Amino acid sequence: MKQTLTAALLAGGKSKRMGQDKGSLRVEWGGVSTFLWERQVAVLRSVEPEELIISGSRKEGYPESVSVVPDRWPDMGPLGGIATCLERLRTDLLLVLAVDLACIQSEFPRKLLARTRTGCGVVPVHHNRFEPLVAIYPATAVGIAIAQLEKGELAIQRFVERLMKEGMVTGYNVDPAEEIHLTNWNRPEDIERVSHGAVRNVG
């Protein structure tokens, strides 16, 4: 039986190093200048989830058709956003994508989705570290996420380690040719390093 999927854009970060809201950065996409959050929503829509949500506070321009989920655990980093999404999950799996992974193409999350098993998600592994902000988590991961937050442990690498130990996720070793998908924009200079063509198309 095919597992059901919710896709979540993680857009609740404070963007201190960037100096402005990352989602509001302009990118060229299909010959048109658009907001980064719009591009990322299009990537998530392309995998045809049962539900699409945005994690964080509602911002100007967000479509009414997309549910916006404020963090239940504010100021607790990405794990707080992931836990919030998992807690209100109504599907088997949760695909998360950080808004600042500006070079992601839809082929990458589709590849991860194809490697899921019943009750088991997939997290990319790159240079011996997990890439937990473009990953798929099972609904059962919610207990581990909340328990870690209640202890004040925000390390998302530790969260994935616990899921691996419990058999709730498997790792996907990222091929060097796929590294572009994991490029994130933390500072203004990061944008300058990436060619404009890397963010232009979603397909």
C-alpha atoms as a PDB file:
ATOM      1  CA  MET A   1       0.000   0.000   0.000  1.00  0.00           C
ATOM      2  CA  LYS A   2       1.300   3.425  -0.935  1.00  0.00           C
ATOM      3  CA  GLN A   3       2.153   5.572   2.081  1.00  0.00           C
ATOM      4  CA  THR A   4       0.516   8.957   2.411  1.00  0.00           C
ATOM      5  CA  LEU A   5       2.641  12.098   2.509  1.00  0.00           C
ATOM      6  CA  THR A   6       2.570  15.593   3.964  1.00  0.00           C
ATOM      7  CA  ALA A   7       5.158  18.070   2.664  1.00  0.00           C
ATOM      8  CA  ALA A   8       6.335  20.892   4.938  1.00  0.00           C
ATOM      9  CA  LEU A   9       8.375  23.965   4.083  1.00  0.00           C
ATOM     10  CA  LEU A  10      10.462  24.943   7.113  1.00  0.00           C
ATOM     11  CA  ALA A  11      10.374  28.738   7.010  1.00  0.00           C
ATOM     12  CA  GLY A  12      10.345  29.755  10.657  1.00  0.00           C
ATOM     13  CA  GLY A  13      14.017  30.649  11.105  1.00  0.00           C
ATOM     14  CA  LYS A  14      15.126  34.125  12.174  1.00  0.00           C
ATOM     15  CA  SER A  15      17.671  34.486   9.320  1.00  0.00           C
ATOM     16  CA  LYS A  16      20.071  36.489  11.501  1.00  0.00           C
ATOM     17  CA  ARG A  17      23.152  35.737   9.396  1.00  0.00           C
ATOM     18  CA  MET A  18      21.351  36.578   6.156  1.00  0.00           C
ATOM     19  CA  GLY A  19      20.081  39.865   7.561  1.00  0.00           C
ATOM     20  CA  GLN A  20      16.625  39.431   6.059  1.00  0.00           C
ATOM     21  CA  ASP A  21      13.927  36.807   5.775  1.00  0.00           C
ATOM     22  CA  LYS A  22      15.354  34.099   3.531  1.00  0.00           C
ATOM     23  CA  GLY A  23      11.985  33.202   2.084  1.00  0.00           C
ATOM     24  CA  SER A  24      11.609  36.744   0.750  1.00  0.00           C
ATOM     25  CA  LEU A  25      14.833  36.574  -1.271  1.00  0.00           C
ATOM     26  CA  ARG A  26      14.217  36.937  -4.995  1.00  0.00           C
ATOM     27  CA  VAL A  27      15.314  34.194  -7.373  1.00  0.00           C
ATOM     28  CA  GLU A  28      14.968  33.839 -11.097  1.00  0.00           C
ATOM     29  CA  TRP A  29      12.731  30.922 -11.944  1.00  0.00           C
ATOM     30  CA  GLY A  30      11.475  30.122 -15.403  1.00  0.00           C
ATOM     31  CA  GLY A  31      12.579  33.561 -16.579  1.00  0.00           C
ATOM     32  CA  VAL A  32      10.535  35.270 -13.869  1.00  0.00           C
ATOM     33  CA  SER A  33      11.721  36.850 -10.621  1.00  0.00           C
ATOM     34  CA  THR A  34       9.928  35.204  -7.721  1.00  0.00           C
ATOM     35  CA  PHE A  35      10.253  34.733  -3.985  1.00  0.00           C
ATOM     36  CA  LEU A  36      12.370  31.839  -2.750  1.00  0.00           C
ATOM     37  CA  TRP A  37       9.490  30.505  -0.667  1.00  0.00           C
ATOM     38  CA  GLU A  38       7.326  30.314  -3.805  1.00  0.00           C
ATOM     39  CA  ARG A  39       9.988  28.303  -5.583  1.00  0.00           C
ATOM     40  CA  GLN A  40      10.279  25.890  -2.661  1.00  0.00           C
ATOM     41  CA  VAL A  41       6.520  25.438  -2.447  1.00  0.00           C
ATOM     42  CA  ALA A  42       6.562  24.517  -6.143  1.00  0.00           C
ATOM     43  CA  VAL A  43       9.223  21.877  -5.484  1.00  0.00           C
ATOM     44  CA  LEU A  44       7.089  20.386  -2.723  1.00  0.00           C
ATOM     45  CA  ARG A  45       3.931  20.449  -4.839  1.00  0.00           C
ATOM     46  CA  SER A  46       5.753  18.513  -7.549  1.00  0.00           C
ATOM     47  CA  VAL A  47       5.929  15.385  -5.373  1.00  0.00           C
ATOM     48  CA  GLU A  48       2.116  15.459  -5.085  1.00  0.00           C
ATOM     49  CA  PRO A  49       1.677  15.298  -1.308  1.00  0.00           C
ATOM     50  CA  GLU A  50      -1.736  14.793   0.263  1.00  0.00           C
ATOM     51  CA  GLU A  51      -1.155  17.995   2.192  1.00  0.00           C
ATOM     52  CA  LEU A  52       1.263  20.911   1.922  1.00  0.00           C
ATOM     53  CA  ILE A  53       2.045  23.109   4.923  1.00  0.00           C
ATOM     54  CA  ILE A  54       4.416  25.927   5.807  1.00  0.00           C
ATOM     55  CA  SER A  55       6.072  25.774   9.218  1.00  0.00           C
ATOM     56  CA  GLY A  56       6.457  29.178  10.867  1.00  0.00           C
ATOM     57  CA  SER A  57       4.426  32.355  11.064  1.00  0.00           C
ATOM     58  CA  ARG A  58       2.153  33.454   8.226  1.00  0.00           C
ATOM     59  CA  LYS A  59       3.803  36.029   5.981  1.00  0.00           C
ATOM     60  CA  GLU A  60       2.521  38.319   3.303  1.00  0.00           C
ATOM     61  CA  GLY A  61       1.868  36.518   0.057  1.00  0.00           C
ATOM     62  CA  TYR A  62       1.374  33.011   1.433  1.00  0.00           C
ATOM     63  CA  PRO A  63      -1.570  31.420  -0.401  1.00  0.00           C
ATOM     64  CA  GLU A  64      -4.689  30.759   1.638  1.00  0.00           C
ATOM     65  CA  SER A  65      -4.755  27.237   0.177  1.00  0.00           C
ATOM     66  CA  VAL A  66      -1.615  26.330   2.139  1.00  0.00           C
ATOM     67  CA  SER A  67      -1.901  25.733   5.895  1.00  0.00           C
ATOM     68  CA  VAL A  68       0.590  27.722   7.963  1.00  0.00           C
ATOM     69  CA  VAL A  69       1.615  26.049  11.219  1.00  0.00           C
ATOM     70  CA  PRO A  70       3.197  28.271  13.916  1.00  0.00           C
ATOM     71  CA  ASP A  71       5.895  26.581  15.971  1.00  0.00           C
ATOM     72  CA  ARG A  72       4.594  25.058  19.164  1.00  0.00           C
ATOM     73  CA  TRP A  73       8.189  25.175  20.393  1.00  0.00           C
ATOM     74  CA  PRO A  74       9.387  28.635  19.274  1.00  0.00           C
ATOM     75  CA  ASP A  75      13.078  29.546  19.339  1.00  0.00           C
ATOM     76  CA  MET A  76      14.085  25.894  19.468  1.00  0.00           C
ATOM     77  CA  GLY A  77      15.544  25.624  15.989  1.00  0.00           C
ATOM     78  CA  PRO A  78      14.543  23.305  13.162  1.00  0.00           C
ATOM     79  CA  LEU A  79      13.708  20.479  15.550  1.00  0.00           C
ATOM     80  CA  GLY A  80      10.933  22.610  17.029  1.00  0.00           C
ATOM     81  CA  GLY A  81       9.421  23.098  13.585  1.00  0.00           C
ATOM     82  CA  ILE A  82       9.735  19.427  12.672  1.00  0.00           C
ATOM     83  CA  ALA A  83       8.156  18.345  15.973  1.00  0.00           C
ATOM     84  CA  THR A  84       5.272  20.774  15.445  1.00  0.00           C
ATOM     85  CA  CYS A  85       4.610  19.345  11.977  1.00  0.00           C
ATOM     86  CA  LEU A  86       4.877  15.758  13.190  1.00  0.00           C
ATOM     87  CA  GLU A  87       2.477  16.407  16.057  1.00  0.00           C
ATOM     88  CA  ARG A  88      -0.308  17.538  13.713  1.00  0.00           C
ATOM     89  CA  LEU A  89       0.494  14.993  10.994  1.00  0.00           C
ATOM     90  CA  ARG A  90      -2.432  13.122   9.442  1.00  0.00           C
ATOM     91  CA  THR A  91      -0.382  11.089   6.959  1.00  0.00           C
ATOM     92  CA  ASP A  92       2.174   8.285   7.221  1.00  0.00           C
ATOM     93  CA  LEU A  93       5.186  10.386   6.258  1.00  0.00           C
ATOM     94  CA  LEU A  94       6.455  13.952   6.561  1.00  0.00           C
ATOM     95  CA  LEU A  95       8.744  15.423   3.905  1.00  0.00           C
ATOM     96  CA  VAL A  96      10.538  18.502   5.200  1.00  0.00           C
ATOM     97  CA  LEU A  97      12.421  21.084   3.154  1.00  0.00           C
ATOM     98  CA  ALA A  98      14.268  24.088   4.556  1.00  0.00           C
ATOM     99  CA  VAL A  99      13.489  27.298   2.726  1.00  0.00           C
ATOM    100  CA  ASP A 100      17.199  28.122   2.365  1.00  0.00           C
ATOM    101  CA  LEU A 101      18.074  25.001   0.337  1.00  0.00           C
ATOM    102  CA  ALA A 102      17.764  27.207  -2.702  1.00  0.00           C
ATOM    103  CA  CYS A 103      19.182  24.821  -5.298  1.00  0.00           C
ATOM    104  CA  ILE A 104      16.937  21.856  -4.575  1.00  0.00           C
ATOM    105  CA  GLN A 105      15.273  20.262  -7.595  1.00  0.00           C
ATOM    106  CA  SER A 106      12.192  18.068  -7.352  1.00  0.00           C
ATOM    107  CA  GLU A 107      14.094  14.998  -8.515  1.00  0.00           C
ATOM    108  CA  PHE A 108      15.911  14.843  -5.167  1.00  0.00           C
ATOM    109  CA  PRO A 109      12.904  14.557  -2.809  1.00  0.00           C
ATOM    110  CA  ARG A 110      11.297  12.175  -5.303  1.00  0.00           C
ATOM    111  CA  LYS A 111      14.371   9.976  -5.050  1.00  0.00           C
ATOM    112  CA  LEU A 112      14.118   9.996  -1.255  1.00  0.00           C
ATOM    113  CA  LEU A 113      10.425   9.164  -1.393  1.00  0.00           C
ATOM    114  CA  ALA A 114      11.110   6.163  -3.609  1.00  0.00           C
ATOM    115  CA  ARG A 115      13.414   4.767  -0.898  1.00  0.00           C
ATOM    116  CA  THR A 116      10.926   4.911   1.968  1.00  0.00           C
ATOM    117  CA  ARG A 117       9.478   1.770   3.495  1.00  0.00           C
ATOM    118  CA  THR A 118       6.386   1.241   5.597  1.00  0.00           C
ATOM    119  CA  GLY A 119       6.912   3.213   8.798  1.00  0.00           C
ATOM    120  CA  CYS A 120      10.443   4.182   7.802  1.00  0.00           C
ATOM    121  CA  GLY A 121      11.682   7.490   6.397  1.00  0.00           C
ATOM    122  CA  VAL A 122      14.911   8.504   4.668  1.00  0.00           C
ATOM    123  CA  VAL A 123      17.584  11.055   5.610  1.00  0.00           C
ATOM    124  CA  PRO A 124      20.430  11.998   3.234  1.00  0.00           C
ATOM    125  CA  VAL A 125      23.984  11.450   4.440  1.00  0.00           C
ATOM    126  CA  HIS A 126      26.708  13.773   3.150  1.00  0.00           C
ATOM    127  CA  HIS A 127      30.349  13.894   4.303  1.00  0.00           C
ATOM    128  CA  ASN A 128      29.484  11.619   7.252  1.00  0.00           C
ATOM    129  CA  ARG A 129      26.759  13.957   8.484  1.00  0.00           C
ATOM    130  CA  PHE A 130      23.008  13.783   8.181  1.00  0.00           C
ATOM    131  CA  GLU A 131      21.171  16.334   6.046  1.00  0.00           C
ATOM    132  CA  PRO A 132      17.973  16.441   8.124  1.00  0.00           C
ATOM    133  CA  LEU A 133      16.376  19.500   6.506  1.00  0.00           C
ATOM    134  CA  VAL A 134      15.558  17.783   3.240  1.00  0.00           C
ATOM    135  CA  ALA A 135      14.399  14.460   4.583  1.00  0.00           C
ATOM    136  CA  ILE A 136      11.399  12.219   5.129  1.00  0.00           C
ATOM    137  CA  TYR A 137      10.254  11.244   8.623  1.00  0.00           C
ATOM    138  CA  PRO A 138       7.626   8.701   9.690  1.00  0.00           C
ATOM    139  CA  ALA A 139       4.698   9.789  11.849  1.00  0.00           C
ATOM    140  CA  THR A 140       6.077   7.645  14.690  1.00  0.00           C
ATOM    141  CA  ALA A 141       9.086   9.990  15.023  1.00  0.00           C
ATOM    142  CA  VAL A 142       6.961  12.502  16.914  1.00  0.00           C
ATOM    143  CA  GLY A 143       7.565  10.908  20.332  1.00  0.00           C
ATOM    144  CA  ILE A 144      11.340  11.073  19.985  1.00  0.00           C
ATOM    145  CA  ALA A 145      11.203  14.660  18.738  1.00  0.00           C
ATOM    146  CA  ILE A 146       9.048  15.876  21.617  1.00  0.00           C
ATOM    147  CA  ALA A 147      11.012  13.964  24.240  1.00  0.00           C
ATOM    148  CA  GLN A 148      14.241  15.532  23.032  1.00  0.00           C
ATOM    149  CA  LEU A 149      12.759  19.033  23.048  1.00  0.00           C
ATOM    150  CA  GLU A 150      11.404  18.559  26.554  1.00  0.00           C
ATOM    151  CA  LYS A 151      14.959  17.821  27.665  1.00  0.00           C
ATOM    152  CA  GLY A 152      16.162  21.005  25.976  1.00  0.00           C
ATOM    153  CA  GLU A 153      18.219  19.056  23.442  1.00  0.00           C
ATOM    154  CA  LEU A 154      18.035  20.906  20.133  1.00  0.00           C
ATOM    155  CA  ALA A 155      20.699  18.980  18.188  1.00  0.00           C
ATOM    156  CA  ILE A 156      18.957  17.679  15.109  1.00  0.00           C
ATOM    157  CA  GLN A 157      21.862  15.338  14.300  1.00  0.00           C
ATOM    158  CA  ARG A 158      21.182  13.619  17.610  1.00  0.00           C
ATOM    159  CA  PHE A 159      17.500  13.377  16.714  1.00  0.00           C
ATOM    160  CA  VAL A 160      18.295  11.537  13.476  1.00  0.00           C
ATOM    161  CA  GLU A 161      20.765   9.273  15.283  1.00  0.00           C
ATOM    162  CA  ARG A 162      17.979   8.195  17.628  1.00  0.00           C
ATOM    163  CA  LEU A 163      15.631   7.543  14.732  1.00  0.00           C
ATOM    164  CA  MET A 164      18.297   5.463  13.005  1.00  0.00           C
ATOM    165  CA  LYS A 165      18.813   3.421  16.156  1.00  0.00           C
ATOM    166  CA  GLU A 166      15.068   2.744  16.378  1.00  0.00           C
ATOM    167  CA  GLY A 167      14.830   1.799  12.691  1.00  0.00           C
ATOM    168  CA  MET A 168      12.535   4.729  11.922  1.00  0.00           C
ATOM    169  CA  VAL A 169      14.761   6.133   9.152  1.00  0.00           C
ATOM    170  CA  THR A 170      17.446   4.862   6.838  1.00  0.00           C
ATOM    171  CA  GLY A 171      20.305   6.840   5.347  1.00  0.00           C
ATOM    172  CA  TYR A 172      20.727   7.796   1.723  1.00  0.00           C
ATOM    173  CA  ASN A 173      24.345   8.400   0.690  1.00  0.00           C
ATOM    174  CA  VAL A 174      24.440  11.506  -1.475  1.00  0.00           C
ATOM    175  CA  ASP A 175      26.324  11.137  -4.739  1.00  0.00           C
ATOM    176  CA  PRO A 176      28.851  13.920  -5.512  1.00  0.00           C
ATOM    177  CA  ALA A 177      26.748  14.861  -8.536  1.00  0.00           C
ATOM    178  CA  GLU A 178      23.819  15.525  -6.185  1.00  0.00           C
ATOM    179  CA  GLU A 179      25.646  17.863  -3.820  1.00  0.00           C
ATOM    180  CA  ILE A 180      24.173  20.945  -5.509  1.00  0.00           C
ATOM    181  CA  HIS A 181      20.766  20.019  -4.069  1.00  0.00           C
ATOM    182  CA  LEU A 182      22.142  20.551  -0.556  1.00  0.00           C
ATOM    183  CA  THR A 183      23.514  24.050  -1.133  1.00  0.00           C
ATOM    184  CA  ASN A 184      22.034  26.371   1.483  1.00  0.00           C
ATOM    185  CA  TRP A 185      21.974  30.135   1.743  1.00  0.00           C
ATOM    186  CA  ASN A 186      22.983  31.298   5.214  1.00  0.00           C
ATOM    187  CA  ARG A 187      24.787  34.555   4.406  1.00  0.00           C
ATOM    188  CA  PRO A 188      24.586  37.062   1.529  1.00  0.00           C
ATOM    189  CA  GLU A 189      27.905  35.820   0.160  1.00  0.00           C
ATOM    190  CA  ASP A 190      26.450  32.311  -0.218  1.00  0.00           C
ATOM    191  CA  ILE A 191      24.093  33.636  -2.876  1.00  0.00           C
ATOM    192  CA  GLU A 192      26.985  35.071  -4.873  1.00  0.00           C
ATOM    193  CA  ARG A 193      28.762  31.697  -4.939  1.00  0.00           C
ATOM    194  CA  VAL A 194      25.869  29.914  -6.594  1.00  0.00           C
ATOM    195  CA  SER A 195      25.236  30.376 -10.287  1.00  0.00           C
ATOM    196  CA  HIS A 196      21.800  31.772 -11.076  1.00  0.00           C
ATOM    197  CA  GLY A 197      21.049  28.753 -13.218  1.00  0.00           C
ATOM    198  CA  ALA A 198      21.046  26.510 -10.157  1.00  0.00           C
ATOM    199  CA  VAL A 199      17.826  28.023  -8.833  1.00  0.00           C
ATOM    200  CA  ARG A 200      16.108  28.772 -12.091  1.00  0.00           C
ATOM    201  CA  ASN A 201      14.021  25.640 -12.677  1.00  0.00           C
ATOM    202  CA  VAL A 202      12.130  23.252 -10.441  1.00  0.00           C
ATOM    203  CA  GLY A 203      11.696  20.195 -12.640  1.00  0.00           C
END
